[in-house]
Amino acid sequence: MNLLLAQGVAGSFLLISLIHLYWAAGGKRGSDAVIPEVPGPGPGMTQPAFRPPALATMLVAVALLLVAMLVCLRVGLYLPTVTHPSLQWVISAIALLMFARAIGDSELVGFFKEVRDSKFARLDTLFYSPLCVVLGAGLLVLAWA
């Protein structure tokens, strides 16, 4: 059971990491739906809240890949099993970060965001935030099982 959960969690982080690598390399497909939007200069217009540089996107991709590797180390999936308590706590901290992302910053991301009428906001409510909850729960189960 834990091995199957680990495959799903690690595979999800790996897939998200590869998508970020694609964007860091200059890919544009799907990038308009993953940046929060704020009201634009005119009525009914929106604009991206920020424009992430390629280096920042690459760092996010590497961090996501490291999370996948930590999961694999914890359960012995493709890598030797590591049972050290510090790994357990690191994975738990990452799970808390995932829950915090799902809750949000009260303005642009998470379940309690204020801006709700953009493409990103709709996808965040339906997909991104629930995914963070599921991945966070999966990380906690893997850390403590």
N, C-alpha and C. Protein backbone atom coordinates (compact mmCIF):
# COMPACT_ATOMS: atom_id res chain seq x y z
N MET A 1 0.81 -1.19 0.00
CA MET A 1 0.00 0.00 0.00
C MET A 1 0.86 1.26 0.00
N ASN A 2 1.87 1.31 0.91
CA ASN A 2 2.74 2.47 0.96
C ASN A 2 3.54 2.64 -0.32
N LEU A 3 3.91 1.52 -0.92
CA LEU A 3 4.67 1.59 -2.16
C LEU A 3 3.82 2.20 -3.28
N LEU A 4 2.58 1.82 -3.34
CA LEU A 4 1.67 2.38 -4.35
C LEU A 4 1.45 3.87 -4.10
N LEU A 5 1.24 4.25 -2.85
CA LEU A 5 1.08 5.66 -2.51
C LEU A 5 2.35 6.44 -2.85
N ALA A 6 3.50 5.87 -2.53
CA ALA A 6 4.77 6.53 -2.83
C ALA A 6 4.95 6.72 -4.33
N GLN A 7 4.56 5.73 -5.11
CA GLN A 7 4.65 5.87 -6.57
C GLN A 7 3.77 7.01 -7.06
N GLY A 8 2.58 7.12 -6.52
CA GLY A 8 1.68 8.21 -6.93
C GLY A 8 2.19 9.57 -6.53
N VAL A 9 2.65 9.70 -5.28
CA VAL A 9 3.14 10.99 -4.79
C VAL A 9 4.43 11.37 -5.52
N ALA A 10 5.38 10.46 -5.58
CA ALA A 10 6.65 10.76 -6.25
C ALA A 10 6.42 11.03 -7.74
N GLY A 11 5.55 10.25 -8.36
CA GLY A 11 5.24 10.46 -9.77
C GLY A 11 4.60 11.81 -10.02
N SER A 12 3.73 12.24 -9.11
CA SER A 12 3.10 13.56 -9.25
C SER A 12 4.13 14.67 -9.14
N PHE A 13 5.00 14.58 -8.14
CA PHE A 13 6.03 15.60 -8.00
C PHE A 13 6.99 15.59 -9.19
N LEU A 14 7.31 14.41 -9.70
CA LEU A 14 8.17 14.32 -10.88
C LEU A 14 7.51 14.96 -12.09
N LEU A 15 6.25 14.67 -12.31
CA LEU A 15 5.54 15.25 -13.46
C LEU A 15 5.46 16.77 -13.35
N ILE A 16 5.15 17.27 -12.17
CA ILE A 16 5.08 18.72 -11.98
C ILE A 16 6.46 19.34 -12.17
N SER A 17 7.50 18.64 -11.73
CA SER A 17 8.87 19.12 -11.94
C SER A 17 9.21 19.20 -13.42
N LEU A 18 8.83 18.18 -14.17
CA LEU A 18 9.11 18.19 -15.62
C LEU A 18 8.35 19.32 -16.33
N ILE A 19 7.15 19.60 -15.89
CA ILE A 19 6.39 20.72 -16.48
C ILE A 19 7.12 22.04 -16.20
N HIS A 20 7.63 22.20 -14.98
CA HIS A 20 8.37 23.41 -14.65
C HIS A 20 9.67 23.50 -15.47
N LEU A 21 10.32 22.37 -15.70
CA LEU A 21 11.51 22.38 -16.55
C LEU A 21 11.17 22.84 -17.97
N TYR A 22 10.05 22.39 -18.48
CA TYR A 22 9.58 22.81 -19.79
C TYR A 22 9.40 24.32 -19.84
N TRP A 23 8.75 24.87 -18.80
CA TRP A 23 8.55 26.32 -18.76
C TRP A 23 9.87 27.06 -18.60
N ALA A 24 10.78 26.52 -17.79
CA ALA A 24 12.08 27.16 -17.59
C ALA A 24 12.89 27.19 -18.87
N ALA A 25 12.67 26.19 -19.72
CA ALA A 25 13.38 26.12 -21.00
C ALA A 25 12.74 27.00 -22.07
N GLY A 26 11.67 27.70 -21.71
CA GLY A 26 11.04 28.62 -22.66
C GLY A 26 9.70 28.17 -23.19
N GLY A 27 9.21 27.02 -22.76
CA GLY A 27 7.90 26.55 -23.21
C GLY A 27 6.79 27.46 -22.71
N LYS A 28 5.78 27.62 -23.51
CA LYS A 28 4.68 28.53 -23.16
C LYS A 28 3.35 27.81 -22.93
N ARG A 29 3.21 26.61 -23.44
CA ARG A 29 1.93 25.91 -23.35
C ARG A 29 1.50 25.74 -21.89
N GLY A 30 0.31 26.21 -21.58
CA GLY A 30 -0.25 26.08 -20.24
C GLY A 30 0.21 27.11 -19.25
N SER A 31 1.19 27.92 -19.60
CA SER A 31 1.74 28.87 -18.63
C SER A 31 0.77 29.99 -18.29
N ASP A 32 -0.19 30.26 -19.16
CA ASP A 32 -1.16 31.33 -18.87
C ASP A 32 -2.15 30.91 -17.79
N ALA A 33 -2.23 29.64 -17.46
CA ALA A 33 -3.20 29.17 -16.48
C ALA A 33 -2.59 28.89 -15.12
N VAL A 34 -1.31 29.17 -14.93
CA VAL A 34 -0.67 28.83 -13.67
C VAL A 34 -0.11 30.03 -12.93
N ILE A 35 -0.30 31.21 -13.46
CA ILE A 35 0.15 32.44 -12.80
C ILE A 35 -1.10 33.18 -12.31
N PRO A 36 -1.15 33.52 -11.01
CA PRO A 36 -2.31 34.28 -10.53
C PRO A 36 -2.46 35.60 -11.29
N GLU A 37 -3.70 36.03 -11.42
CA GLU A 37 -3.97 37.27 -12.14
C GLU A 37 -4.57 38.30 -11.20
N VAL A 38 -4.26 39.55 -11.48
CA VAL A 38 -4.80 40.68 -10.72
C VAL A 38 -5.55 41.57 -11.70
N PRO A 39 -6.42 42.44 -11.19
CA PRO A 39 -7.13 43.35 -12.10
C PRO A 39 -6.16 44.19 -12.92
N GLY A 40 -6.49 44.35 -14.20
CA GLY A 40 -5.65 45.08 -15.12
C GLY A 40 -5.94 46.57 -15.13
N PRO A 41 -5.36 47.27 -16.10
CA PRO A 41 -5.51 48.72 -16.16
C PRO A 41 -6.92 49.17 -16.53
N GLY A 42 -7.64 48.34 -17.25
CA GLY A 42 -8.99 48.72 -17.66
C GLY A 42 -10.03 47.85 -17.00
N PRO A 43 -11.29 48.25 -17.11
CA PRO A 43 -12.36 47.44 -16.52
C PRO A 43 -12.48 46.08 -17.22
N GLY A 44 -12.58 45.05 -16.43
CA GLY A 44 -12.72 43.70 -16.96
C GLY A 44 -11.42 43.10 -17.47
N MET A 45 -10.31 43.80 -17.32
CA MET A 45 -9.02 43.30 -17.79
C MET A 45 -8.23 42.71 -16.62
N THR A 46 -7.42 41.71 -16.91
CA THR A 46 -6.54 41.13 -15.90
C THR A 46 -5.12 41.10 -16.44
N GLN A 47 -4.18 40.99 -15.53
CA GLN A 47 -2.78 40.85 -15.90
C GLN A 47 -2.11 39.92 -14.90
N PRO A 48 -1.02 39.27 -15.30
CA PRO A 48 -0.34 38.38 -14.36
C PRO A 48 0.14 39.14 -13.12
N ALA A 49 0.04 38.49 -11.97
CA ALA A 49 0.49 39.11 -10.73
C ALA A 49 2.01 39.26 -10.71
N PHE A 50 2.71 38.38 -11.41
CA PHE A 50 4.17 38.44 -11.51
C PHE A 50 4.60 37.67 -12.74
N ARG A 51 5.82 37.87 -13.14
CA ARG A 51 6.41 37.14 -14.26
C ARG A 51 7.64 36.41 -13.73
N PRO A 52 7.52 35.10 -13.51
CA PRO A 52 8.64 34.36 -12.92
C PRO A 52 9.80 34.24 -13.90
N PRO A 53 11.01 34.56 -13.45
CA PRO A 53 12.17 34.37 -14.32
C PRO A 53 12.47 32.88 -14.51
N ALA A 54 13.15 32.57 -15.58
CA ALA A 54 13.46 31.17 -15.90
C ALA A 54 14.26 30.51 -14.78
N LEU A 55 15.16 31.25 -14.15
CA LEU A 55 15.96 30.67 -13.08
C LEU A 55 15.08 30.27 -11.89
N ALA A 56 14.13 31.11 -11.54
CA ALA A 56 13.22 30.77 -10.43
C ALA A 56 12.39 29.54 -10.78
N THR A 57 11.93 29.46 -12.01
CA THR A 57 11.15 28.30 -12.44
C THR A 57 12.01 27.04 -12.40
N MET A 58 13.28 27.17 -12.78
CA MET A 58 14.21 26.03 -12.73
C MET A 58 14.43 25.60 -11.28
N LEU A 59 14.55 26.54 -10.37
CA LEU A 59 14.74 26.20 -8.96
C LEU A 59 13.52 25.49 -8.38
N VAL A 60 12.34 25.92 -8.79
CA VAL A 60 11.12 25.22 -8.36
C VAL A 60 11.12 23.79 -8.90
N ALA A 61 11.52 23.62 -10.15
CA ALA A 61 11.58 22.28 -10.74
C ALA A 61 12.54 21.39 -9.97
N VAL A 62 13.70 21.92 -9.61
CA VAL A 62 14.68 21.14 -8.85
C VAL A 62 14.14 20.80 -7.47
N ALA A 63 13.49 21.76 -6.82
CA ALA A 63 12.91 21.49 -5.50
C ALA A 63 11.85 20.39 -5.57
N LEU A 64 11.01 20.44 -6.58
CA LEU A 64 9.98 19.41 -6.74
C LEU A 64 10.60 18.04 -7.01
N LEU A 65 11.67 18.02 -7.79
CA LEU A 65 12.38 16.77 -8.05
C LEU A 65 12.99 16.22 -6.76
N LEU A 66 13.53 17.11 -5.93
CA LEU A 66 14.10 16.67 -4.65
C LEU A 66 13.03 16.08 -3.74
N VAL A 67 11.84 16.65 -3.75
CA VAL A 67 10.75 16.09 -2.94
C VAL A 67 10.43 14.67 -3.42
N ALA A 68 10.37 14.49 -4.73
CA ALA A 68 10.12 13.14 -5.27
C ALA A 68 11.22 12.18 -4.83
N MET A 69 12.46 12.65 -4.84
CA MET A 69 13.57 11.78 -4.41
C MET A 69 13.49 11.46 -2.92
N LEU A 70 13.09 12.43 -2.11
CA LEU A 70 12.94 12.17 -0.67
C LEU A 70 11.88 11.10 -0.41
N VAL A 71 10.79 11.17 -1.15
CA VAL A 71 9.74 10.15 -1.02
C VAL A 71 10.30 8.78 -1.39
N CYS A 72 11.04 8.73 -2.49
CA CYS A 72 11.63 7.46 -2.92
C CYS A 72 12.60 6.92 -1.88
N LEU A 73 13.38 7.81 -1.26
CA LEU A 73 14.31 7.38 -0.22
C LEU A 73 13.57 6.86 1.01
N ARG A 74 12.48 7.49 1.35
CA ARG A 74 11.74 7.11 2.55
C ARG A 74 11.19 5.69 2.47
N VAL A 75 10.70 5.31 1.28
CA VAL A 75 10.06 3.99 1.15
C VAL A 75 10.90 2.98 0.38
N GLY A 76 12.06 3.39 -0.10
CA GLY A 76 12.90 2.47 -0.85
C GLY A 76 12.44 2.23 -2.27
N LEU A 77 11.84 3.22 -2.86
CA LEU A 77 11.35 3.13 -4.24
C LEU A 77 12.45 3.62 -5.18
N TYR A 78 13.08 2.71 -5.91
CA TYR A 78 14.16 2.99 -6.86
C TYR A 78 15.46 3.43 -6.19
N LEU A 79 15.44 3.73 -4.92
CA LEU A 79 16.61 4.17 -4.18
C LEU A 79 16.67 3.38 -2.87
N PRO A 80 17.83 3.31 -2.23
CA PRO A 80 17.89 2.58 -0.95
C PRO A 80 17.00 3.25 0.10
N THR A 81 16.40 2.44 0.96
CA THR A 81 15.52 2.96 2.00
C THR A 81 16.33 3.69 3.06
N VAL A 82 15.84 4.87 3.46
CA VAL A 82 16.44 5.64 4.54
C VAL A 82 15.38 5.79 5.62
N THR A 83 15.68 5.33 6.83
CA THR A 83 14.70 5.38 7.91
C THR A 83 15.08 6.39 8.98
N HIS A 84 16.01 7.24 8.72
CA HIS A 84 16.46 8.23 9.71
C HIS A 84 15.31 9.17 10.07
N PRO A 85 15.13 9.49 11.34
CA PRO A 85 14.03 10.37 11.77
C PRO A 85 14.06 11.76 11.13
N SER A 86 15.24 12.26 10.79
CA SER A 86 15.29 13.59 10.18
C SER A 86 14.58 13.61 8.83
N LEU A 87 14.66 12.52 8.08
CA LEU A 87 13.94 12.45 6.80
C LEU A 87 12.44 12.48 7.04
N GLN A 88 12.01 11.82 8.07
CA GLN A 88 10.60 11.81 8.45
C GLN A 88 10.12 13.24 8.73
N TRP A 89 10.92 14.01 9.45
CA TRP A 89 10.53 15.38 9.79
C TRP A 89 10.62 16.32 8.60
N VAL A 90 11.58 16.12 7.73
CA VAL A 90 11.69 16.95 6.53
C VAL A 90 10.47 16.73 5.63
N ILE A 91 10.09 15.48 5.43
CA ILE A 91 8.91 15.19 4.61
C ILE A 91 7.65 15.76 5.27
N SER A 92 7.57 15.70 6.59
CA SER A 92 6.43 16.27 7.30
C SER A 92 6.38 17.79 7.11
N ALA A 93 7.53 18.44 7.15
CA ALA A 93 7.57 19.89 6.93
C ALA A 93 7.12 20.25 5.52
N ILE A 94 7.51 19.44 4.56
CA ILE A 94 7.08 19.68 3.17
C ILE A 94 5.56 19.49 3.07
N ALA A 95 5.03 18.51 3.79
CA ALA A 95 3.58 18.31 3.80
C ALA A 95 2.87 19.53 4.37
N LEU A 96 3.42 20.11 5.41
CA LEU A 96 2.82 21.32 5.98
C LEU A 96 2.87 22.48 4.99
N LEU A 97 3.96 22.57 4.23
CA LEU A 97 4.04 23.59 3.17
C LEU A 97 2.95 23.38 2.12
N MET A 98 2.69 22.12 1.79
CA MET A 98 1.64 21.83 0.81
C MET A 98 0.27 22.24 1.36
N PHE A 99 0.03 21.98 2.64
CA PHE A 99 -1.24 22.40 3.25
C PHE A 99 -1.34 23.92 3.29
N ALA A 100 -0.23 24.58 3.59
CA ALA A 100 -0.23 26.05 3.61
C ALA A 100 -0.52 26.61 2.22
N ARG A 101 0.02 25.98 1.18
CA ARG A 101 -0.27 26.42 -0.19
C ARG A 101 -1.75 26.25 -0.50
N ALA A 102 -2.33 25.17 -0.03
CA ALA A 102 -3.75 24.94 -0.28
C ALA A 102 -4.61 25.97 0.44
N ILE A 103 -4.25 26.33 1.65
CA ILE A 103 -5.00 27.35 2.38
C ILE A 103 -4.84 28.69 1.68
N GLY A 104 -3.61 29.02 1.31
CA GLY A 104 -3.37 30.20 0.50
C GLY A 104 -2.88 31.41 1.25
N ASP A 105 -2.77 32.51 0.50
CA ASP A 105 -2.25 33.77 1.04
C ASP A 105 -3.35 34.77 1.30
N SER A 106 -4.58 34.36 1.20
CA SER A 106 -5.80 35.15 1.42
C SER A 106 -6.10 36.14 0.31
N GLU A 107 -5.24 36.23 -0.69
CA GLU A 107 -5.54 37.15 -1.78
C GLU A 107 -5.59 36.47 -3.15
N LEU A 108 -4.52 35.74 -3.53
CA LEU A 108 -4.42 35.25 -4.90
C LEU A 108 -4.47 33.73 -5.04
N VAL A 109 -4.02 32.98 -4.03
CA VAL A 109 -3.97 31.52 -4.17
C VAL A 109 -4.62 30.85 -2.97
N GLY A 110 -5.03 29.61 -3.14
CA GLY A 110 -5.59 28.81 -2.06
C GLY A 110 -7.10 28.85 -2.01
N PHE A 111 -7.64 28.07 -1.11
CA PHE A 111 -9.09 27.96 -0.98
C PHE A 111 -9.73 29.26 -0.51
N PHE A 112 -9.00 30.10 0.21
CA PHE A 112 -9.58 31.31 0.80
C PHE A 112 -9.15 32.58 0.08
N LYS A 113 -8.83 32.47 -1.19
CA LYS A 113 -8.38 33.63 -1.96
C LYS A 113 -9.53 34.61 -2.20
N GLU A 114 -9.16 35.86 -2.40
CA GLU A 114 -10.16 36.90 -2.66
C GLU A 114 -10.44 37.04 -4.16
N VAL A 115 -9.40 36.94 -4.99
CA VAL A 115 -9.57 37.06 -6.43
C VAL A 115 -10.06 35.71 -6.95
N ARG A 116 -11.30 35.66 -7.45
CA ARG A 116 -11.90 34.39 -7.84
C ARG A 116 -12.41 34.36 -9.28
N ASP A 117 -12.21 35.43 -10.03
CA ASP A 117 -12.83 35.49 -11.36
C ASP A 117 -11.83 35.40 -12.51
N SER A 118 -10.68 34.79 -12.27
CA SER A 118 -9.71 34.61 -13.35
C SER A 118 -9.59 33.13 -13.69
N LYS A 119 -8.95 32.85 -14.80
CA LYS A 119 -8.73 31.46 -15.22
C LYS A 119 -7.93 30.72 -14.16
N PHE A 120 -6.86 31.36 -13.66
CA PHE A 120 -6.05 30.73 -12.62
C PHE A 120 -6.88 30.44 -11.38
N ALA A 121 -7.69 31.41 -10.95
CA ALA A 121 -8.46 31.25 -9.73
C ALA A 121 -9.41 30.06 -9.82
N ARG A 122 -10.05 29.90 -10.97
CA ARG A 122 -10.96 28.76 -11.14
C ARG A 122 -10.19 27.44 -11.10
N LEU A 123 -9.07 27.38 -11.80
CA LEU A 123 -8.26 26.15 -11.79
C LEU A 123 -7.67 25.89 -10.41
N ASP A 124 -7.32 26.95 -9.71
CA ASP A 124 -6.77 26.79 -8.37
C ASP A 124 -7.80 26.18 -7.43
N THR A 125 -9.02 26.65 -7.52
CA THR A 125 -10.07 26.12 -6.66
C THR A 125 -10.42 24.68 -7.01
N LEU A 126 -10.47 24.37 -8.29
CA LEU A 126 -10.89 23.03 -8.72
C LEU A 126 -9.77 22.00 -8.74
N PHE A 127 -8.52 22.44 -8.98
CA PHE A 127 -7.46 21.46 -9.20
C PHE A 127 -6.22 21.69 -8.33
N TYR A 128 -5.61 22.88 -8.39
CA TYR A 128 -4.31 23.09 -7.75
C TYR A 128 -4.36 22.94 -6.24
N SER A 129 -5.30 23.63 -5.58
CA SER A 129 -5.38 23.55 -4.12
C SER A 129 -5.77 22.15 -3.64
N PRO A 130 -6.78 21.50 -4.25
CA PRO A 130 -7.07 20.11 -3.82
C PRO A 130 -5.87 19.17 -4.04
N LEU A 131 -5.13 19.38 -5.12
CA LEU A 131 -3.94 18.56 -5.35
C LEU A 131 -2.92 18.76 -4.23
N CYS A 132 -2.76 19.99 -3.77
CA CYS A 132 -1.84 20.26 -2.66
C CYS A 132 -2.28 19.54 -1.39
N VAL A 133 -3.58 19.50 -1.13
CA VAL A 133 -4.09 18.80 0.05
C VAL A 133 -3.81 17.30 -0.07
N VAL A 134 -4.09 16.74 -1.24
CA VAL A 134 -3.88 15.30 -1.44
C VAL A 134 -2.39 14.95 -1.34
N LEU A 135 -1.54 15.76 -1.97
CA LEU A 135 -0.10 15.49 -1.89
C LEU A 135 0.42 15.67 -0.47
N GLY A 136 -0.07 16.69 0.24
CA GLY A 136 0.34 16.88 1.62
C GLY A 136 -0.06 15.71 2.50
N ALA A 137 -1.29 15.23 2.33
CA ALA A 137 -1.75 14.08 3.10
C ALA A 137 -0.92 12.84 2.76
N GLY A 138 -0.64 12.65 1.48
CA GLY A 138 0.18 11.51 1.06
C GLY A 138 1.58 11.59 1.66
N LEU A 139 2.15 12.78 1.70
CA LEU A 139 3.48 12.94 2.30
C LEU A 139 3.45 12.61 3.78
N LEU A 140 2.41 13.05 4.47
CA LEU A 140 2.32 12.74 5.91
C LEU A 140 2.20 11.24 6.15
N VAL A 141 1.38 10.58 5.36
CA VAL A 141 1.22 9.13 5.52
C VAL A 141 2.55 8.44 5.28
N LEU A 142 3.25 8.83 4.23
CA LEU A 142 4.53 8.20 3.92
C LEU A 142 5.59 8.50 4.96
N ALA A 143 5.54 9.70 5.54
CA ALA A 143 6.54 10.06 6.55
C ALA A 143 6.36 9.26 7.83
N TRP A 144 5.13 8.98 8.20
CA TRP A 144 4.88 8.38 9.51
C TRP A 144 4.44 6.93 9.46
N ALA A 145 4.32 6.35 8.28
CA ALA A 145 3.90 4.94 8.21
C ALA A 145 5.07 4.00 8.36
